[in-house]
Amino acid sequence: MLAKYVNKKQLCCFSTFEEQLNHHHPLYILANRIDWSIFEKAFSPLFSNNGRPAKPIRLMVSLILLKHIRNISDETVVEQWEENSYYQYFSGKQMFACGQPCDASELVHFRKRIGAWGTELILKESIHININEKDSKEDKATRDTTVQEKKYYLSYG
């Protein structure tokens, strides 16, 4: 019997995350389920064409989501982004980037810019995604509605 063919090609140092990352990783899946254009359309009018260019909206929204998903601080999410390929893919990068994406204080400024309304929009979209995921799982799940009676033991003393 012949041995199975093994692809011995090395990954190029310029290969994309699509080729490298596990497609079953939760952040990989979530990155492809979120409709990022909702945030682009909603937050673009809040920025002007004057001054220094802002960081990409997807990057800033993804950092806010990662901060809440992992329950970490602004400083920590920015530091971990530099080390984590899944964080970078989640934020829209196609290849690994060296360095921090922004200063942690820029997340504070972004939250102030989008205000409570923008924060609610991010929350609503994350809830919307989770509800759709649960609905699809519930269709496949079976429910057991039987109740087992408790056994009462009498102690004689």
N, C-alpha and C. Protein backbone atom coordinates (compact mmCIF):
# COMPACT_ATOMS: atom_id res chain seq x y z
N MET A 1 0.85 -1.18 0.00
CA MET A 1 0.00 0.00 0.00
C MET A 1 0.89 1.24 0.00
N LEU A 2 0.54 2.20 -0.81
CA LEU A 2 1.29 3.45 -0.88
C LEU A 2 0.93 4.35 0.29
N ALA A 3 1.91 5.06 0.74
CA ALA A 3 1.67 6.03 1.80
C ALA A 3 0.89 7.20 1.24
N LYS A 4 0.11 7.83 2.11
CA LYS A 4 -0.65 8.99 1.68
C LYS A 4 0.29 10.13 1.37
N TYR A 5 -0.08 10.93 0.39
CA TYR A 5 0.73 12.08 0.00
C TYR A 5 0.66 13.13 1.10
N VAL A 6 1.79 13.60 1.49
CA VAL A 6 1.88 14.66 2.48
C VAL A 6 2.44 15.89 1.80
N ASN A 7 1.70 16.98 1.90
CA ASN A 7 2.14 18.23 1.32
C ASN A 7 3.29 18.78 2.17
N LYS A 8 4.46 18.86 1.59
CA LYS A 8 5.64 19.31 2.33
C LYS A 8 6.01 20.75 2.04
N LYS A 9 5.10 21.48 1.42
CA LYS A 9 5.38 22.88 1.14
C LYS A 9 5.41 23.65 2.45
N GLN A 10 6.37 24.52 2.56
CA GLN A 10 6.46 25.35 3.75
C GLN A 10 5.52 26.53 3.60
N LEU A 11 5.03 26.97 4.74
CA LEU A 11 4.23 28.18 4.71
C LEU A 11 5.15 29.35 4.41
N CYS A 12 4.74 30.17 3.52
CA CYS A 12 5.50 31.36 3.19
C CYS A 12 5.35 32.35 4.34
N CYS A 13 6.33 33.16 4.56
CA CYS A 13 6.23 34.14 5.63
C CYS A 13 5.18 35.21 5.31
N PHE A 14 4.65 35.19 4.09
CA PHE A 14 3.63 36.15 3.71
C PHE A 14 2.27 35.48 3.51
N SER A 15 2.08 34.29 4.10
CA SER A 15 0.79 33.62 3.95
C SER A 15 -0.24 34.31 4.83
N THR A 16 -1.49 34.19 4.46
CA THR A 16 -2.56 34.90 5.15
C THR A 16 -3.08 34.08 6.32
N PHE A 17 -3.84 34.75 7.17
CA PHE A 17 -4.47 34.08 8.29
C PHE A 17 -5.44 33.00 7.82
N GLU A 18 -6.09 33.22 6.68
CA GLU A 18 -7.02 32.23 6.14
C GLU A 18 -6.33 30.88 5.98
N GLU A 19 -5.07 30.89 5.61
CA GLU A 19 -4.32 29.65 5.40
C GLU A 19 -3.76 29.08 6.69
N GLN A 20 -3.54 29.92 7.69
CA GLN A 20 -2.83 29.49 8.90
C GLN A 20 -3.74 29.12 10.06
N LEU A 21 -4.82 29.85 10.26
CA LEU A 21 -5.59 29.71 11.47
C LEU A 21 -6.59 28.56 11.40
N ASN A 22 -6.94 28.08 12.58
CA ASN A 22 -7.95 27.03 12.71
C ASN A 22 -9.33 27.62 12.42
N HIS A 23 -10.00 27.09 11.43
CA HIS A 23 -11.30 27.63 11.03
C HIS A 23 -12.42 27.28 12.00
N HIS A 24 -12.12 26.48 13.00
CA HIS A 24 -13.12 26.11 14.01
C HIS A 24 -12.92 26.87 15.32
N HIS A 25 -11.94 27.76 15.36
CA HIS A 25 -11.69 28.56 16.56
C HIS A 25 -12.86 29.55 16.72
N PRO A 26 -13.35 29.74 17.95
CA PRO A 26 -14.50 30.63 18.17
C PRO A 26 -14.32 32.05 17.64
N LEU A 27 -13.13 32.63 17.79
CA LEU A 27 -12.93 33.99 17.28
C LEU A 27 -12.90 34.03 15.76
N TYR A 28 -12.39 32.99 15.15
CA TYR A 28 -12.39 32.91 13.68
C TYR A 28 -13.83 32.87 13.16
N ILE A 29 -14.63 32.03 13.80
CA ILE A 29 -16.04 31.90 13.39
C ILE A 29 -16.79 33.20 13.64
N LEU A 30 -16.59 33.79 14.81
CA LEU A 30 -17.29 35.03 15.17
C LEU A 30 -16.91 36.17 14.23
N ALA A 31 -15.66 36.24 13.84
CA ALA A 31 -15.21 37.30 12.93
C ALA A 31 -15.96 37.23 11.60
N ASN A 32 -16.31 36.03 11.17
CA ASN A 32 -17.02 35.88 9.90
C ASN A 32 -18.54 35.95 10.04
N ARG A 33 -19.04 35.92 11.26
CA ARG A 33 -20.49 36.01 11.47
C ARG A 33 -20.96 37.45 11.68
N ILE A 34 -20.09 38.30 12.18
CA ILE A 34 -20.47 39.69 12.45
C ILE A 34 -20.56 40.46 11.14
N ASP A 35 -21.61 41.25 11.02
CA ASP A 35 -21.75 42.14 9.86
C ASP A 35 -21.06 43.46 10.21
N TRP A 36 -19.80 43.56 9.87
CA TRP A 36 -18.99 44.72 10.23
C TRP A 36 -19.45 45.99 9.53
N SER A 37 -20.15 45.87 8.42
CA SER A 37 -20.60 47.05 7.68
C SER A 37 -21.62 47.87 8.49
N ILE A 38 -22.32 47.23 9.41
CA ILE A 38 -23.27 47.96 10.27
C ILE A 38 -22.53 49.05 11.04
N PHE A 39 -21.38 48.70 11.57
CA PHE A 39 -20.61 49.67 12.36
C PHE A 39 -19.98 50.73 11.47
N GLU A 40 -19.53 50.33 10.29
CA GLU A 40 -18.96 51.29 9.34
C GLU A 40 -20.00 52.35 8.98
N LYS A 41 -21.20 51.91 8.65
CA LYS A 41 -22.27 52.84 8.25
C LYS A 41 -22.69 53.74 9.41
N ALA A 42 -22.77 53.18 10.60
CA ALA A 42 -23.25 53.94 11.75
C ALA A 42 -22.22 54.94 12.26
N PHE A 43 -20.94 54.56 12.27
CA PHE A 43 -19.93 55.40 12.91
C PHE A 43 -19.17 56.31 11.96
N SER A 44 -19.21 56.04 10.66
CA SER A 44 -18.48 56.89 9.70
C SER A 44 -18.87 58.36 9.77
N PRO A 45 -20.16 58.69 9.91
CA PRO A 45 -20.53 60.12 9.98
C PRO A 45 -19.96 60.85 11.20
N LEU A 46 -19.50 60.12 12.19
CA LEU A 46 -18.96 60.74 13.40
C LEU A 46 -17.54 61.26 13.21
N PHE A 47 -16.92 60.94 12.08
CA PHE A 47 -15.55 61.33 11.80
C PHE A 47 -15.53 62.39 10.70
N SER A 48 -14.57 63.31 10.78
CA SER A 48 -14.44 64.34 9.75
C SER A 48 -13.30 63.97 8.81
N ASN A 49 -13.19 64.71 7.73
CA ASN A 49 -12.12 64.49 6.75
C ASN A 49 -10.87 65.29 7.08
N ASN A 50 -10.91 66.06 8.15
CA ASN A 50 -9.78 66.90 8.53
C ASN A 50 -8.97 66.23 9.63
N GLY A 51 -7.69 66.58 9.70
CA GLY A 51 -6.85 66.10 10.79
C GLY A 51 -6.23 64.75 10.50
N ARG A 52 -5.67 64.17 11.54
CA ARG A 52 -4.99 62.88 11.44
C ARG A 52 -6.02 61.78 11.18
N PRO A 53 -5.72 60.86 10.27
CA PRO A 53 -6.67 59.77 10.00
C PRO A 53 -6.91 58.93 11.25
N ALA A 54 -8.14 58.53 11.43
CA ALA A 54 -8.51 57.70 12.58
C ALA A 54 -8.15 56.25 12.32
N LYS A 55 -8.13 55.48 13.39
CA LYS A 55 -7.93 54.04 13.26
C LYS A 55 -9.18 53.45 12.60
N PRO A 56 -9.03 52.32 11.89
CA PRO A 56 -10.19 51.70 11.26
C PRO A 56 -11.29 51.39 12.28
N ILE A 57 -12.53 51.60 11.87
CA ILE A 57 -13.67 51.38 12.76
C ILE A 57 -13.74 49.92 13.18
N ARG A 58 -13.50 48.99 12.25
CA ARG A 58 -13.55 47.58 12.60
C ARG A 58 -12.53 47.25 13.68
N LEU A 59 -11.35 47.81 13.59
CA LEU A 59 -10.32 47.57 14.60
C LEU A 59 -10.80 48.01 15.97
N MET A 60 -11.34 49.21 16.05
CA MET A 60 -11.75 49.75 17.34
C MET A 60 -12.94 48.97 17.91
N VAL A 61 -13.91 48.63 17.06
CA VAL A 61 -15.06 47.85 17.53
C VAL A 61 -14.61 46.47 17.97
N SER A 62 -13.71 45.86 17.21
CA SER A 62 -13.25 44.51 17.57
C SER A 62 -12.48 44.53 18.90
N LEU A 63 -11.70 45.57 19.15
CA LEU A 63 -10.99 45.67 20.42
C LEU A 63 -11.97 45.82 21.58
N ILE A 64 -13.03 46.58 21.37
CA ILE A 64 -14.05 46.73 22.42
C ILE A 64 -14.74 45.39 22.67
N LEU A 65 -15.07 44.68 21.60
CA LEU A 65 -15.71 43.37 21.76
C LEU A 65 -14.78 42.38 22.46
N LEU A 66 -13.52 42.35 22.04
CA LEU A 66 -12.56 41.44 22.67
C LEU A 66 -12.37 41.76 24.15
N LYS A 67 -12.36 43.04 24.46
CA LYS A 67 -12.22 43.48 25.85
C LYS A 67 -13.35 42.90 26.70
N HIS A 68 -14.56 42.92 26.17
CA HIS A 68 -15.71 42.42 26.94
C HIS A 68 -15.81 40.89 26.89
N ILE A 69 -15.45 40.30 25.78
CA ILE A 69 -15.47 38.84 25.68
C ILE A 69 -14.50 38.22 26.67
N ARG A 70 -13.31 38.79 26.76
CA ARG A 70 -12.25 38.25 27.63
C ARG A 70 -12.26 38.85 29.04
N ASN A 71 -13.09 39.90 29.24
CA ASN A 71 -13.19 40.57 30.54
C ASN A 71 -11.81 41.08 31.00
N ILE A 72 -11.20 41.89 30.14
CA ILE A 72 -9.88 42.43 30.42
C ILE A 72 -9.90 43.95 30.23
N SER A 73 -8.83 44.60 30.62
CA SER A 73 -8.74 46.06 30.52
C SER A 73 -8.36 46.49 29.11
N ASP A 74 -8.47 47.79 28.86
CA ASP A 74 -8.06 48.36 27.58
C ASP A 74 -6.58 48.09 27.32
N GLU A 75 -5.76 48.29 28.32
CA GLU A 75 -4.32 48.08 28.16
C GLU A 75 -4.01 46.63 27.82
N THR A 76 -4.68 45.71 28.49
CA THR A 76 -4.42 44.29 28.27
C THR A 76 -4.87 43.84 26.89
N VAL A 77 -6.02 44.30 26.43
CA VAL A 77 -6.49 43.88 25.11
C VAL A 77 -5.56 44.38 24.02
N VAL A 78 -5.02 45.57 24.18
CA VAL A 78 -4.08 46.11 23.19
C VAL A 78 -2.78 45.31 23.20
N GLU A 79 -2.30 44.95 24.40
CA GLU A 79 -1.08 44.14 24.50
C GLU A 79 -1.28 42.75 23.91
N GLN A 80 -2.43 42.12 24.22
CA GLN A 80 -2.69 40.77 23.72
C GLN A 80 -2.91 40.75 22.22
N TRP A 81 -3.44 41.83 21.68
CA TRP A 81 -3.66 41.91 20.23
C TRP A 81 -2.35 41.74 19.50
N GLU A 82 -1.30 42.32 20.04
CA GLU A 82 0.02 42.25 19.41
C GLU A 82 0.53 40.81 19.34
N GLU A 83 0.14 39.97 20.28
CA GLU A 83 0.65 38.60 20.37
C GLU A 83 -0.28 37.55 19.77
N ASN A 84 -1.54 37.88 19.58
CA ASN A 84 -2.54 36.88 19.25
C ASN A 84 -3.02 37.00 17.81
N SER A 85 -2.77 35.98 17.02
CA SER A 85 -3.19 35.99 15.61
C SER A 85 -4.70 36.01 15.46
N TYR A 86 -5.41 35.35 16.36
CA TYR A 86 -6.87 35.32 16.28
C TYR A 86 -7.46 36.70 16.56
N TYR A 87 -6.87 37.43 17.49
CA TYR A 87 -7.31 38.81 17.75
C TYR A 87 -7.11 39.66 16.50
N GLN A 88 -5.96 39.49 15.86
CA GLN A 88 -5.68 40.28 14.67
C GLN A 88 -6.62 39.93 13.54
N TYR A 89 -6.90 38.65 13.35
CA TYR A 89 -7.85 38.24 12.30
C TYR A 89 -9.24 38.79 12.62
N PHE A 90 -9.63 38.73 13.88
CA PHE A 90 -10.93 39.23 14.31
C PHE A 90 -11.08 40.72 13.99
N SER A 91 -9.98 41.44 14.06
CA SER A 91 -10.03 42.88 13.80
C SER A 91 -9.87 43.24 12.32
N GLY A 92 -9.77 42.23 11.46
CA GLY A 92 -9.76 42.50 10.03
C GLY A 92 -8.41 42.39 9.35
N LYS A 93 -7.38 42.07 10.09
CA LYS A 93 -6.05 41.91 9.48
C LYS A 93 -6.01 40.61 8.69
N GLN A 94 -5.27 40.63 7.59
CA GLN A 94 -5.11 39.43 6.78
C GLN A 94 -3.80 38.71 7.05
N MET A 95 -2.81 39.46 7.53
CA MET A 95 -1.50 38.90 7.86
C MET A 95 -1.06 39.43 9.22
N PHE A 96 -0.12 38.73 9.82
CA PHE A 96 0.34 39.11 11.15
C PHE A 96 0.99 40.49 11.11
N ALA A 97 0.63 41.32 12.07
CA ALA A 97 1.18 42.67 12.18
C ALA A 97 1.97 42.79 13.47
N CYS A 98 3.14 43.37 13.39
CA CYS A 98 3.96 43.59 14.58
C CYS A 98 3.57 44.93 15.19
N GLY A 99 3.60 45.00 16.48
CA GLY A 99 3.29 46.25 17.16
C GLY A 99 1.86 46.31 17.62
N GLN A 100 1.62 47.22 18.54
CA GLN A 100 0.27 47.39 19.07
C GLN A 100 -0.59 48.16 18.06
N PRO A 101 -1.88 47.85 18.00
CA PRO A 101 -2.74 48.48 17.01
C PRO A 101 -3.02 49.95 17.30
N CYS A 102 -3.01 50.29 18.58
CA CYS A 102 -3.28 51.66 18.99
C CYS A 102 -2.88 51.80 20.45
N ASP A 103 -2.94 53.01 20.94
CA ASP A 103 -2.72 53.24 22.36
C ASP A 103 -4.03 52.93 23.08
N ALA A 104 -3.94 52.42 24.28
CA ALA A 104 -5.15 52.06 25.04
C ALA A 104 -6.08 53.26 25.24
N SER A 105 -5.52 54.46 25.32
CA SER A 105 -6.35 55.65 25.51
C SER A 105 -7.23 55.94 24.29
N GLU A 106 -6.83 55.44 23.12
CA GLU A 106 -7.65 55.65 21.92
C GLU A 106 -8.98 54.91 22.01
N LEU A 107 -9.02 53.81 22.77
CA LEU A 107 -10.29 53.12 22.98
C LEU A 107 -11.25 53.99 23.80
N VAL A 108 -10.70 54.70 24.77
CA VAL A 108 -11.52 55.62 25.57
C VAL A 108 -12.08 56.72 24.68
N HIS A 109 -11.25 57.30 23.83
CA HIS A 109 -11.69 58.36 22.93
C HIS A 109 -12.74 57.84 21.94
N PHE A 110 -12.55 56.61 21.45
CA PHE A 110 -13.51 56.02 20.52
C PHE A 110 -14.86 55.81 21.20
N ARG A 111 -14.86 55.31 22.43
CA ARG A 111 -16.12 55.10 23.16
C ARG A 111 -16.83 56.43 23.40
N LYS A 112 -16.06 57.47 23.70
CA LYS A 112 -16.66 58.80 23.89
C LYS A 112 -17.27 59.30 22.58
N ARG A 113 -16.58 59.04 21.48
CA ARG A 113 -17.05 59.50 20.18
C ARG A 113 -18.36 58.83 19.78
N ILE A 114 -18.44 57.51 19.98
CA ILE A 114 -19.67 56.81 19.58
C ILE A 114 -20.78 56.95 20.61
N GLY A 115 -20.43 57.29 21.84
CA GLY A 115 -21.41 57.55 22.88
C GLY A 115 -22.17 56.30 23.31
N ALA A 116 -23.20 56.54 24.11
CA ALA A 116 -24.02 55.44 24.62
C ALA A 116 -24.76 54.74 23.49
N TRP A 117 -25.18 55.52 22.50
CA TRP A 117 -25.90 54.95 21.35
C TRP A 117 -25.02 53.95 20.60
N GLY A 118 -23.77 54.30 20.37
CA GLY A 118 -22.86 53.41 19.66
C GLY A 118 -22.52 52.16 20.46
N THR A 119 -22.36 52.34 21.76
CA THR A 119 -22.08 51.19 22.61
C THR A 119 -23.27 50.24 22.61
N GLU A 120 -24.48 50.79 22.62
CA GLU A 120 -25.69 49.96 22.55
C GLU A 120 -25.76 49.22 21.21
N LEU A 121 -25.36 49.87 20.14
CA LEU A 121 -25.36 49.23 18.83
C LEU A 121 -24.44 48.02 18.82
N ILE A 122 -23.26 48.16 19.40
CA ILE A 122 -22.32 47.05 19.49
C ILE A 122 -22.92 45.92 20.32
N LEU A 123 -23.54 46.27 21.44
CA LEU A 123 -24.18 45.27 22.30
C LEU A 123 -25.33 44.58 21.58
N LYS A 124 -26.16 45.35 20.88
CA LYS A 124 -27.29 44.76 20.15
C LYS A 124 -26.83 43.78 19.09
N GLU A 125 -25.77 44.13 18.38
CA GLU A 125 -25.27 43.24 17.33
C GLU A 125 -24.71 41.95 17.94
N SER A 126 -24.02 42.06 19.07
CA SER A 126 -23.49 40.85 19.71
C SER A 126 -24.62 39.97 20.24
N ILE A 127 -25.67 40.58 20.76
CA ILE A 127 -26.84 39.81 21.21
C ILE A 127 -27.53 39.16 20.02
N HIS A 128 -27.67 39.91 18.94
CA HIS A 128 -28.31 39.40 17.72
C HIS A 128 -27.59 38.15 17.21
N ILE A 129 -26.27 38.18 17.20
CA ILE A 129 -25.48 37.04 16.73
C ILE A 129 -25.67 35.85 17.66
N ASN A 130 -25.65 36.09 18.96
CA ASN A 130 -25.81 35.00 19.92
C ASN A 130 -27.20 34.40 19.88
N ILE A 131 -28.22 35.22 19.68
CA ILE A 131 -29.59 34.70 19.59
C ILE A 131 -29.73 33.82 18.36
N ASN A 132 -29.20 34.27 17.22
CA ASN A 132 -29.27 33.46 16.00
C ASN A 132 -28.53 32.15 16.17
N GLU A 133 -27.41 32.16 16.86
CA GLU A 133 -26.64 30.93 17.10
C GLU A 133 -27.42 29.99 18.00
N LYS A 134 -28.05 30.51 19.05
CA LYS A 134 -28.81 29.66 19.96
C LYS A 134 -30.04 29.08 19.27
N ASP A 135 -30.70 29.87 18.42
CA ASP A 135 -31.88 29.37 17.71
C ASP A 135 -31.52 28.18 16.84
N SER A 136 -30.38 28.27 16.15
CA SER A 136 -29.98 27.17 15.28
C SER A 136 -29.62 25.94 16.09
N LYS A 137 -29.05 26.12 17.29
CA LYS A 137 -28.72 24.99 18.14
C LYS A 137 -29.97 24.37 18.75
N GLU A 138 -30.96 25.21 19.11
CA GLU A 138 -32.17 24.70 19.73
C GLU A 138 -33.00 23.87 18.76
N ASP A 139 -32.91 24.16 17.47
CA ASP A 139 -33.64 23.37 16.50
C ASP A 139 -33.15 21.93 16.49
N LYS A 140 -31.88 21.73 16.80
CA LYS A 140 -31.29 20.40 16.75
C LYS A 140 -31.34 19.70 18.11
N ALA A 141 -31.58 20.44 19.16
CA ALA A 141 -31.52 19.88 20.50
C ALA A 141 -32.82 19.17 20.86
N THR A 142 -32.72 18.18 21.70
CA THR A 142 -33.90 17.52 22.24
C THR A 142 -34.04 17.96 23.68
N ARG A 143 -35.27 18.02 24.12
CA ARG A 143 -35.52 18.49 25.48
C ARG A 143 -36.15 17.35 26.28
N ASP A 144 -35.68 17.19 27.47
CA ASP A 144 -36.22 16.20 28.37
C ASP A 144 -36.97 16.94 29.46
N THR A 145 -38.28 16.76 29.51
CA THR A 145 -39.09 17.50 30.46
C THR A 145 -39.53 16.64 31.65
N THR A 146 -38.99 15.45 31.76
CA THR A 146 -39.35 14.61 32.90
C THR A 146 -38.69 15.13 34.16
N VAL A 147 -39.37 14.92 35.26
CA VAL A 147 -38.86 15.37 36.55
C VAL A 147 -38.67 14.14 37.42
N GLN A 148 -37.51 14.05 38.00
CA GLN A 148 -37.24 12.93 38.88
C GLN A 148 -37.58 13.35 40.31
N GLU A 149 -38.34 12.49 40.97
CA GLU A 149 -38.73 12.81 42.34
C GLU A 149 -37.55 12.64 43.27
N LYS A 150 -37.52 13.48 44.29
CA LYS A 150 -36.47 13.38 45.29
C LYS A 150 -36.77 12.23 46.23
N LYS A 151 -35.75 11.56 46.66
CA LYS A 151 -35.90 10.50 47.64
C LYS A 151 -35.66 11.10 49.01
N TYR A 152 -36.58 10.84 49.88
CA TYR A 152 -36.45 11.34 51.23
C TYR A 152 -36.00 10.20 52.13
N TYR A 153 -34.98 10.44 52.86
CA TYR A 153 -34.46 9.43 53.78
C TYR A 153 -34.79 9.85 55.21
N LEU A 154 -35.30 8.93 55.91
CA LEU A 154 -35.60 9.19 57.33
C LEU A 154 -34.43 8.70 58.14
N SER A 155 -34.05 9.50 59.07
CA SER A 155 -32.96 9.07 59.94
C SER A 155 -33.57 8.69 61.29
N TYR A 156 -33.17 7.58 61.78
CA TYR A 156 -33.63 7.11 63.07
C TYR A 156 -32.52 7.30 64.07
N GLY A 157 -32.78 7.96 65.10
CA GLY A 157 -31.70 8.26 66.02
C GLY A 157 -31.96 7.99 67.41
